[in-house]
Amino acid sequence: LLKPEPPEKYNGSASVRDFMKFVTDGTSYVRDGRVAKKYRVSKLARYLTGIAHDFYISKVADDVRNWRLKQFFTALYNHCFPLTYRMDQRAKLDNCRQGERTVRQHITSLSELFNTVGITDERDRVIRLWRSLNSRIQQELWKEKLTPETSLYDEV
């Protein structure tokens, strides 16, 4: 039997990568450790520092047993990230192009932006990926009989 591994500390930085790592690792930690739902948020509190910990103390600590993970993570995100963060990331997504990057590198950047702005629809992802690829690659996709309107994301 493996002991659940605790998440790395999260300081409240407005970094989606750091935040998502904390959410993913923190959720696994309390679920794998079979922590009762009413204690999960308080169990994760010891892994908060900086403004993330300040948020916990000022908004959550007094009523921690009534907070659930999803509610906590949403409120933590709203506290740590600027109000315009999603809009700024959406603008970045709209202007995202492959350029000199490999397709793999480009897809990694796109995926992070998709997750940040909440784009989950596969067709929307395919169309955005297709439009952002270099024209040479788009031509090769057409030759393979792939289209942005009917192909799956993994096919593209």
N, C-alpha and C. Protein backbone atom coordinates (compact mmCIF):
# COMPACT_ATOMS: atom_id res chain seq x y z
N LEU A 1 0.84 -1.18 0.00
CA LEU A 1 0.00 0.00 0.00
C LEU A 1 0.89 1.24 0.00
N LEU A 2 0.62 2.16 -0.92
CA LEU A 2 1.40 3.38 -1.02
C LEU A 2 0.80 4.48 -0.16
N LYS A 3 1.66 5.24 0.47
CA LYS A 3 1.23 6.39 1.27
C LYS A 3 1.01 7.56 0.30
N PRO A 4 -0.12 8.26 0.42
CA PRO A 4 -0.37 9.40 -0.47
C PRO A 4 0.74 10.45 -0.35
N GLU A 5 1.12 11.01 -1.47
CA GLU A 5 2.17 12.01 -1.47
C GLU A 5 1.55 13.40 -1.37
N PRO A 6 1.98 14.21 -0.41
CA PRO A 6 1.39 15.54 -0.25
C PRO A 6 1.76 16.46 -1.42
N PRO A 7 0.93 17.47 -1.65
CA PRO A 7 1.22 18.42 -2.72
C PRO A 7 2.37 19.35 -2.32
N GLU A 8 3.00 19.95 -3.33
CA GLU A 8 3.97 21.00 -3.03
C GLU A 8 3.20 22.21 -2.51
N LYS A 9 3.85 23.02 -1.73
CA LYS A 9 3.19 24.20 -1.17
C LYS A 9 2.82 25.17 -2.31
N TYR A 10 1.67 25.80 -2.15
CA TYR A 10 1.21 26.80 -3.13
C TYR A 10 1.15 28.15 -2.43
N ASN A 11 1.80 29.15 -3.04
CA ASN A 11 1.92 30.46 -2.40
C ASN A 11 0.91 31.50 -2.91
N GLY A 12 0.04 31.09 -3.81
CA GLY A 12 -0.95 32.03 -4.33
C GLY A 12 -0.50 32.77 -5.56
N SER A 13 0.60 32.33 -6.17
CA SER A 13 1.07 33.00 -7.39
C SER A 13 0.04 32.81 -8.51
N ALA A 14 -0.07 33.83 -9.37
CA ALA A 14 -1.02 33.77 -10.48
C ALA A 14 -0.39 33.00 -11.64
N SER A 15 -0.01 31.77 -11.35
CA SER A 15 0.55 30.87 -12.35
C SER A 15 -0.40 29.68 -12.48
N VAL A 16 -0.99 29.54 -13.65
CA VAL A 16 -1.93 28.44 -13.86
C VAL A 16 -1.25 27.10 -13.64
N ARG A 17 -0.04 27.00 -14.09
CA ARG A 17 0.70 25.73 -13.95
C ARG A 17 0.85 25.37 -12.46
N ASP A 18 1.27 26.33 -11.63
CA ASP A 18 1.43 26.08 -10.20
C ASP A 18 0.08 25.79 -9.53
N PHE A 19 -0.93 26.56 -9.91
CA PHE A 19 -2.25 26.38 -9.32
C PHE A 19 -2.83 25.01 -9.67
N MET A 20 -2.76 24.64 -10.96
CA MET A 20 -3.32 23.35 -11.39
C MET A 20 -2.55 22.19 -10.77
N LYS A 21 -1.27 22.36 -10.59
CA LYS A 21 -0.47 21.31 -9.93
C LYS A 21 -0.95 21.13 -8.49
N PHE A 22 -1.19 22.24 -7.81
CA PHE A 22 -1.68 22.16 -6.44
C PHE A 22 -3.07 21.51 -6.40
N VAL A 23 -3.95 21.91 -7.30
CA VAL A 23 -5.30 21.35 -7.34
C VAL A 23 -5.24 19.84 -7.61
N THR A 24 -4.49 19.46 -8.61
CA THR A 24 -4.40 18.04 -8.98
C THR A 24 -3.74 17.21 -7.88
N ASP A 25 -2.58 17.66 -7.43
CA ASP A 25 -1.86 16.90 -6.40
C ASP A 25 -2.59 16.93 -5.06
N GLY A 26 -3.18 18.07 -4.73
CA GLY A 26 -3.92 18.18 -3.47
C GLY A 26 -5.15 17.29 -3.46
N THR A 27 -5.87 17.27 -4.57
CA THR A 27 -7.05 16.42 -4.67
C THR A 27 -6.67 14.95 -4.55
N SER A 28 -5.62 14.55 -5.25
CA SER A 28 -5.15 13.16 -5.15
C SER A 28 -4.74 12.81 -3.73
N TYR A 29 -4.06 13.73 -3.09
CA TYR A 29 -3.57 13.51 -1.73
C TYR A 29 -4.71 13.20 -0.76
N VAL A 30 -5.75 14.03 -0.76
CA VAL A 30 -6.84 13.82 0.20
C VAL A 30 -7.75 12.67 -0.20
N ARG A 31 -7.91 12.44 -1.49
CA ARG A 31 -8.74 11.30 -1.92
C ARG A 31 -8.03 9.98 -1.70
N ASP A 32 -6.76 9.91 -2.11
CA ASP A 32 -6.00 8.68 -1.92
C ASP A 32 -5.81 8.38 -0.43
N GLY A 33 -5.74 9.43 0.38
CA GLY A 33 -5.60 9.25 1.82
C GLY A 33 -6.93 9.01 2.51
N ARG A 34 -7.99 8.96 1.72
CA ARG A 34 -9.35 8.71 2.22
C ARG A 34 -9.75 9.66 3.36
N VAL A 35 -9.40 10.92 3.16
CA VAL A 35 -9.77 11.95 4.13
C VAL A 35 -11.26 12.25 3.95
N ALA A 36 -12.00 12.30 5.02
CA ALA A 36 -13.42 12.62 4.96
C ALA A 36 -13.61 13.99 4.31
N LYS A 37 -14.68 14.15 3.53
CA LYS A 37 -14.90 15.38 2.78
C LYS A 37 -14.86 16.64 3.64
N LYS A 38 -15.40 16.57 4.85
CA LYS A 38 -15.44 17.78 5.68
C LYS A 38 -14.07 18.17 6.24
N TYR A 39 -13.06 17.30 6.09
CA TYR A 39 -11.71 17.61 6.58
C TYR A 39 -10.70 17.87 5.45
N ARG A 40 -11.11 17.70 4.21
CA ARG A 40 -10.16 17.79 3.10
C ARG A 40 -9.53 19.17 2.96
N VAL A 41 -10.33 20.20 3.05
CA VAL A 41 -9.79 21.56 2.88
C VAL A 41 -8.83 21.89 4.02
N SER A 42 -9.18 21.53 5.24
CA SER A 42 -8.27 21.84 6.36
C SER A 42 -6.97 21.04 6.24
N LYS A 43 -7.04 19.83 5.70
CA LYS A 43 -5.84 19.01 5.50
C LYS A 43 -4.90 19.68 4.50
N LEU A 44 -5.46 20.32 3.47
CA LEU A 44 -4.64 20.98 2.46
C LEU A 44 -4.10 22.33 2.93
N ALA A 45 -4.71 22.91 3.94
CA ALA A 45 -4.32 24.25 4.39
C ALA A 45 -2.85 24.32 4.78
N ARG A 46 -2.31 23.23 5.31
CA ARG A 46 -0.90 23.26 5.73
C ARG A 46 0.06 23.37 4.55
N TYR A 47 -0.46 23.23 3.33
CA TYR A 47 0.37 23.34 2.13
C TYR A 47 0.16 24.67 1.41
N LEU A 48 -0.44 25.63 2.11
CA LEU A 48 -0.63 26.97 1.58
C LEU A 48 0.32 27.93 2.26
N THR A 49 0.88 28.85 1.48
CA THR A 49 1.73 29.90 2.01
C THR A 49 1.32 31.23 1.37
N GLY A 50 1.93 32.30 1.77
CA GLY A 50 1.71 33.61 1.15
C GLY A 50 0.24 34.00 1.10
N ILE A 51 -0.17 34.59 -0.04
CA ILE A 51 -1.54 35.09 -0.14
C ILE A 51 -2.56 33.96 -0.16
N ALA A 52 -2.15 32.76 -0.57
CA ALA A 52 -3.06 31.61 -0.53
C ALA A 52 -3.40 31.28 0.93
N HIS A 53 -2.39 31.32 1.79
CA HIS A 53 -2.64 31.06 3.21
C HIS A 53 -3.43 32.19 3.84
N ASP A 54 -3.14 33.42 3.45
CA ASP A 54 -3.90 34.57 3.94
C ASP A 54 -5.38 34.41 3.61
N PHE A 55 -5.67 33.97 2.39
CA PHE A 55 -7.05 33.73 1.98
C PHE A 55 -7.69 32.68 2.88
N TYR A 56 -6.99 31.59 3.10
CA TYR A 56 -7.52 30.51 3.94
C TYR A 56 -7.87 31.04 5.33
N ILE A 57 -6.95 31.77 5.94
CA ILE A 57 -7.17 32.29 7.29
C ILE A 57 -8.35 33.26 7.34
N SER A 58 -8.43 34.15 6.35
CA SER A 58 -9.45 35.21 6.41
C SER A 58 -10.83 34.76 5.94
N LYS A 59 -10.91 33.79 5.04
CA LYS A 59 -12.21 33.43 4.45
C LYS A 59 -12.70 32.02 4.78
N VAL A 60 -11.79 31.12 5.07
CA VAL A 60 -12.15 29.70 5.15
C VAL A 60 -12.06 29.13 6.57
N ALA A 61 -11.02 29.46 7.27
CA ALA A 61 -10.68 28.78 8.52
C ALA A 61 -11.81 28.71 9.54
N ASP A 62 -12.58 29.78 9.68
CA ASP A 62 -13.64 29.80 10.69
C ASP A 62 -14.77 28.82 10.41
N ASP A 63 -14.92 28.43 9.15
CA ASP A 63 -16.03 27.56 8.76
C ASP A 63 -15.52 26.43 7.85
N VAL A 64 -14.30 25.98 8.09
CA VAL A 64 -13.61 25.08 7.16
C VAL A 64 -14.36 23.77 6.89
N ARG A 65 -15.08 23.25 7.86
CA ARG A 65 -15.77 21.97 7.65
C ARG A 65 -16.92 22.05 6.66
N ASN A 66 -17.38 23.26 6.38
CA ASN A 66 -18.46 23.43 5.40
C ASN A 66 -17.96 23.71 3.98
N TRP A 67 -16.65 23.80 3.83
CA TRP A 67 -16.07 24.03 2.50
C TRP A 67 -15.76 22.69 1.85
N ARG A 68 -16.10 22.56 0.58
CA ARG A 68 -15.77 21.37 -0.21
C ARG A 68 -14.65 21.77 -1.18
N LEU A 69 -13.94 20.77 -1.67
CA LEU A 69 -12.75 21.05 -2.49
C LEU A 69 -13.05 21.95 -3.68
N LYS A 70 -14.06 21.62 -4.47
CA LYS A 70 -14.34 22.40 -5.68
C LYS A 70 -14.62 23.86 -5.32
N GLN A 71 -15.44 24.07 -4.33
CA GLN A 71 -15.77 25.42 -3.87
C GLN A 71 -14.51 26.15 -3.38
N PHE A 72 -13.68 25.44 -2.64
CA PHE A 72 -12.44 26.02 -2.12
C PHE A 72 -11.50 26.40 -3.24
N PHE A 73 -11.27 25.49 -4.19
CA PHE A 73 -10.35 25.77 -5.29
C PHE A 73 -10.84 26.93 -6.15
N THR A 74 -12.15 27.01 -6.37
CA THR A 74 -12.71 28.11 -7.16
C THR A 74 -12.49 29.44 -6.44
N ALA A 75 -12.77 29.47 -5.15
CA ALA A 75 -12.60 30.70 -4.38
C ALA A 75 -11.12 31.08 -4.28
N LEU A 76 -10.25 30.08 -4.12
CA LEU A 76 -8.81 30.34 -4.05
C LEU A 76 -8.32 30.94 -5.38
N TYR A 77 -8.78 30.36 -6.49
CA TYR A 77 -8.42 30.89 -7.81
C TYR A 77 -8.87 32.36 -7.92
N ASN A 78 -10.11 32.62 -7.57
CA ASN A 78 -10.65 33.98 -7.68
C ASN A 78 -9.89 34.97 -6.79
N HIS A 79 -9.37 34.49 -5.69
CA HIS A 79 -8.61 35.36 -4.79
C HIS A 79 -7.19 35.64 -5.32
N CYS A 80 -6.57 34.63 -5.89
CA CYS A 80 -5.15 34.73 -6.27
C CYS A 80 -4.91 35.29 -7.68
N PHE A 81 -5.89 35.16 -8.55
CA PHE A 81 -5.70 35.59 -9.93
C PHE A 81 -6.43 36.91 -10.18
N PRO A 82 -5.83 37.79 -11.00
CA PRO A 82 -6.49 39.07 -11.33
C PRO A 82 -7.84 38.83 -12.01
N LEU A 83 -8.75 39.77 -11.84
CA LEU A 83 -10.09 39.65 -12.44
C LEU A 83 -10.04 39.47 -13.95
N THR A 84 -9.06 40.11 -14.58
CA THR A 84 -8.98 40.06 -16.05
C THR A 84 -8.14 38.90 -16.56
N TYR A 85 -7.69 38.04 -15.67
CA TYR A 85 -6.75 36.98 -16.06
C TYR A 85 -7.31 36.10 -17.19
N ARG A 86 -8.55 35.64 -17.04
CA ARG A 86 -9.13 34.79 -18.09
C ARG A 86 -9.28 35.54 -19.41
N MET A 87 -9.69 36.79 -19.33
CA MET A 87 -9.82 37.58 -20.56
C MET A 87 -8.46 37.76 -21.22
N ASP A 88 -7.44 38.02 -20.42
CA ASP A 88 -6.09 38.18 -20.95
C ASP A 88 -5.61 36.88 -21.60
N GLN A 89 -5.92 35.76 -20.95
CA GLN A 89 -5.52 34.46 -21.50
C GLN A 89 -6.30 34.13 -22.77
N ARG A 90 -7.57 34.53 -22.82
CA ARG A 90 -8.38 34.32 -24.04
C ARG A 90 -7.79 35.11 -25.20
N ALA A 91 -7.35 36.34 -24.94
CA ALA A 91 -6.71 37.15 -25.98
C ALA A 91 -5.42 36.47 -26.44
N LYS A 92 -4.68 35.93 -25.49
CA LYS A 92 -3.45 35.22 -25.82
C LYS A 92 -3.76 33.99 -26.69
N LEU A 93 -4.84 33.29 -26.36
CA LEU A 93 -5.25 32.13 -27.14
C LEU A 93 -5.65 32.55 -28.56
N ASP A 94 -6.40 33.63 -28.67
CA ASP A 94 -6.83 34.11 -29.98
C ASP A 94 -5.65 34.46 -30.89
N ASN A 95 -4.55 34.88 -30.28
CA ASN A 95 -3.36 35.28 -31.05
C ASN A 95 -2.28 34.20 -31.10
N CYS A 96 -2.54 33.05 -30.52
CA CYS A 96 -1.54 31.99 -30.44
C CYS A 96 -1.30 31.35 -31.81
N ARG A 97 -0.06 31.31 -32.24
CA ARG A 97 0.32 30.69 -33.51
C ARG A 97 1.52 29.78 -33.25
N GLN A 98 1.66 28.78 -34.09
CA GLN A 98 2.74 27.82 -33.93
C GLN A 98 4.10 28.47 -34.08
N GLY A 99 4.25 29.28 -35.10
CA GLY A 99 5.54 29.94 -35.33
C GLY A 99 6.67 28.94 -35.51
N GLU A 100 7.75 29.12 -34.79
CA GLU A 100 8.94 28.27 -34.91
C GLU A 100 8.91 27.04 -34.01
N ARG A 101 7.87 26.94 -33.19
CA ARG A 101 7.79 25.81 -32.25
C ARG A 101 7.40 24.52 -32.97
N THR A 102 7.75 23.41 -32.36
CA THR A 102 7.30 22.12 -32.89
C THR A 102 5.80 22.01 -32.62
N VAL A 103 5.15 21.10 -33.31
CA VAL A 103 3.71 20.90 -33.09
C VAL A 103 3.47 20.49 -31.64
N ARG A 104 4.30 19.63 -31.13
CA ARG A 104 4.16 19.17 -29.74
C ARG A 104 4.26 20.34 -28.76
N GLN A 105 5.24 21.22 -28.96
CA GLN A 105 5.39 22.38 -28.08
C GLN A 105 4.18 23.30 -28.19
N HIS A 106 3.71 23.48 -29.41
CA HIS A 106 2.56 24.35 -29.66
C HIS A 106 1.30 23.79 -28.98
N ILE A 107 1.09 22.49 -29.10
CA ILE A 107 -0.08 21.86 -28.49
C ILE A 107 -0.03 21.98 -26.97
N THR A 108 1.15 21.89 -26.40
CA THR A 108 1.29 22.06 -24.95
C THR A 108 0.84 23.47 -24.53
N SER A 109 1.28 24.48 -25.28
CA SER A 109 0.87 25.86 -24.98
C SER A 109 -0.63 26.04 -25.15
N LEU A 110 -1.16 25.50 -26.24
CA LEU A 110 -2.60 25.61 -26.50
C LEU A 110 -3.41 24.94 -25.39
N SER A 111 -2.99 23.75 -24.99
CA SER A 111 -3.72 23.01 -23.96
C SER A 111 -3.79 23.79 -22.66
N GLU A 112 -2.69 24.43 -22.30
CA GLU A 112 -2.67 25.23 -21.08
C GLU A 112 -3.65 26.39 -21.20
N LEU A 113 -3.69 27.03 -22.36
CA LEU A 113 -4.63 28.13 -22.58
C LEU A 113 -6.07 27.62 -22.60
N PHE A 114 -6.32 26.49 -23.25
CA PHE A 114 -7.67 25.90 -23.25
C PHE A 114 -8.16 25.69 -21.82
N ASN A 115 -7.30 25.12 -21.00
CA ASN A 115 -7.68 24.84 -19.62
C ASN A 115 -7.90 26.12 -18.82
N THR A 116 -7.08 27.12 -19.08
CA THR A 116 -7.20 28.38 -18.35
C THR A 116 -8.50 29.09 -18.64
N VAL A 117 -8.88 29.12 -19.92
CA VAL A 117 -10.10 29.85 -20.28
C VAL A 117 -11.34 28.97 -20.27
N GLY A 118 -11.18 27.69 -20.05
CA GLY A 118 -12.32 26.79 -19.91
C GLY A 118 -12.90 26.27 -21.20
N ILE A 119 -12.07 26.12 -22.22
CA ILE A 119 -12.56 25.57 -23.50
C ILE A 119 -12.45 24.05 -23.44
N THR A 120 -13.60 23.41 -23.38
CA THR A 120 -13.64 21.95 -23.28
C THR A 120 -14.22 21.29 -24.53
N ASP A 121 -14.92 22.05 -25.34
CA ASP A 121 -15.55 21.50 -26.54
C ASP A 121 -14.48 21.06 -27.54
N GLU A 122 -14.52 19.79 -27.93
CA GLU A 122 -13.48 19.25 -28.81
C GLU A 122 -13.46 19.95 -30.17
N ARG A 123 -14.62 20.24 -30.74
CA ARG A 123 -14.66 20.90 -32.05
C ARG A 123 -13.99 22.26 -31.98
N ASP A 124 -14.28 23.01 -30.95
CA ASP A 124 -13.66 24.32 -30.77
C ASP A 124 -12.15 24.17 -30.65
N ARG A 125 -11.70 23.17 -29.91
CA ARG A 125 -10.26 22.92 -29.75
C ARG A 125 -9.62 22.57 -31.10
N VAL A 126 -10.28 21.72 -31.87
CA VAL A 126 -9.75 21.31 -33.17
C VAL A 126 -9.62 22.52 -34.09
N ILE A 127 -10.67 23.32 -34.16
CA ILE A 127 -10.66 24.49 -35.05
C ILE A 127 -9.56 25.48 -34.64
N ARG A 128 -9.44 25.72 -33.34
CA ARG A 128 -8.40 26.64 -32.87
C ARG A 128 -7.00 26.10 -33.13
N LEU A 129 -6.83 24.80 -32.94
CA LEU A 129 -5.53 24.18 -33.24
C LEU A 129 -5.23 24.32 -34.73
N TRP A 130 -6.17 23.93 -35.55
CA TRP A 130 -5.99 23.96 -37.01
C TRP A 130 -5.58 25.35 -37.48
N ARG A 131 -6.33 26.35 -37.06
CA ARG A 131 -6.07 27.73 -37.50
C ARG A 131 -4.73 28.27 -37.02
N SER A 132 -4.23 27.72 -35.92
CA SER A 132 -2.99 28.23 -35.34
C SER A 132 -1.74 27.54 -35.88
N LEU A 133 -1.94 26.45 -36.62
CA LEU A 133 -0.79 25.72 -37.18
C LEU A 133 -0.22 26.44 -38.40
N ASN A 134 1.05 26.22 -38.67
CA ASN A 134 1.68 26.79 -39.86
C ASN A 134 0.96 26.26 -41.10
N SER A 135 0.87 27.08 -42.14
CA SER A 135 0.11 26.72 -43.35
C SER A 135 0.65 25.44 -44.00
N ARG A 136 1.93 25.22 -43.93
CA ARG A 136 2.52 23.99 -44.50
C ARG A 136 1.92 22.75 -43.83
N ILE A 137 1.76 22.81 -42.53
CA ILE A 137 1.19 21.68 -41.80
C ILE A 137 -0.30 21.54 -42.11
N GLN A 138 -1.00 22.66 -42.21
CA GLN A 138 -2.41 22.61 -42.58
C GLN A 138 -2.58 21.92 -43.94
N GLN A 139 -1.73 22.24 -44.88
CA GLN A 139 -1.80 21.60 -46.20
C GLN A 139 -1.62 20.10 -46.11
N GLU A 140 -0.69 19.65 -45.28
CA GLU A 140 -0.47 18.22 -45.09
C GLU A 140 -1.69 17.54 -44.46
N LEU A 141 -2.33 18.24 -43.55
CA LEU A 141 -3.54 17.69 -42.93
C LEU A 141 -4.65 17.52 -43.96
N TRP A 142 -4.81 18.50 -44.86
CA TRP A 142 -5.80 18.38 -45.93
C TRP A 142 -5.49 17.19 -46.82
N LYS A 143 -4.20 17.00 -47.13
CA LYS A 143 -3.79 15.86 -47.98
C LYS A 143 -4.14 14.53 -47.32
N GLU A 144 -4.11 14.50 -45.99
CA GLU A 144 -4.46 13.28 -45.24
C GLU A 144 -5.97 13.13 -45.09
N LYS A 145 -6.72 14.00 -45.76
CA LYS A 145 -8.19 14.00 -45.73
C LYS A 145 -8.76 14.34 -44.35
N LEU A 146 -8.00 15.13 -43.60
CA LEU A 146 -8.49 15.63 -42.32
C LEU A 146 -9.07 17.02 -42.54
N THR A 147 -10.08 17.35 -41.75
CA THR A 147 -10.69 18.68 -41.84
C THR A 147 -10.94 19.21 -40.43
N PRO A 148 -10.93 20.53 -40.29
CA PRO A 148 -11.19 21.09 -38.95
C PRO A 148 -12.63 20.86 -38.49
N GLU A 149 -13.54 20.64 -39.42
CA GLU A 149 -14.95 20.48 -39.07
C GLU A 149 -15.35 19.07 -38.69
N THR A 150 -14.56 18.07 -39.10
CA THR A 150 -14.97 16.68 -38.83
C THR A 150 -13.92 15.84 -38.12
N SER A 151 -12.67 16.26 -38.14
CA SER A 151 -11.60 15.45 -37.54
C SER A 151 -11.57 15.59 -36.02
N LEU A 152 -11.13 14.54 -35.37
CA LEU A 152 -10.95 14.55 -33.92
C LEU A 152 -9.64 15.25 -33.57
N TYR A 153 -9.57 15.78 -32.36
CA TYR A 153 -8.38 16.50 -31.91
C TYR A 153 -7.15 15.61 -32.01
N ASP A 154 -7.26 14.36 -31.55
CA ASP A 154 -6.12 13.45 -31.58
C ASP A 154 -5.68 13.08 -32.99
N GLU A 155 -6.61 13.15 -33.95
CA GLU A 155 -6.25 12.88 -35.34
C GLU A 155 -5.40 14.01 -35.90
N VAL A 156 -5.80 15.23 -35.57
CA VAL A 156 -5.06 16.40 -36.07
C VAL A 156 -3.71 16.44 -35.41
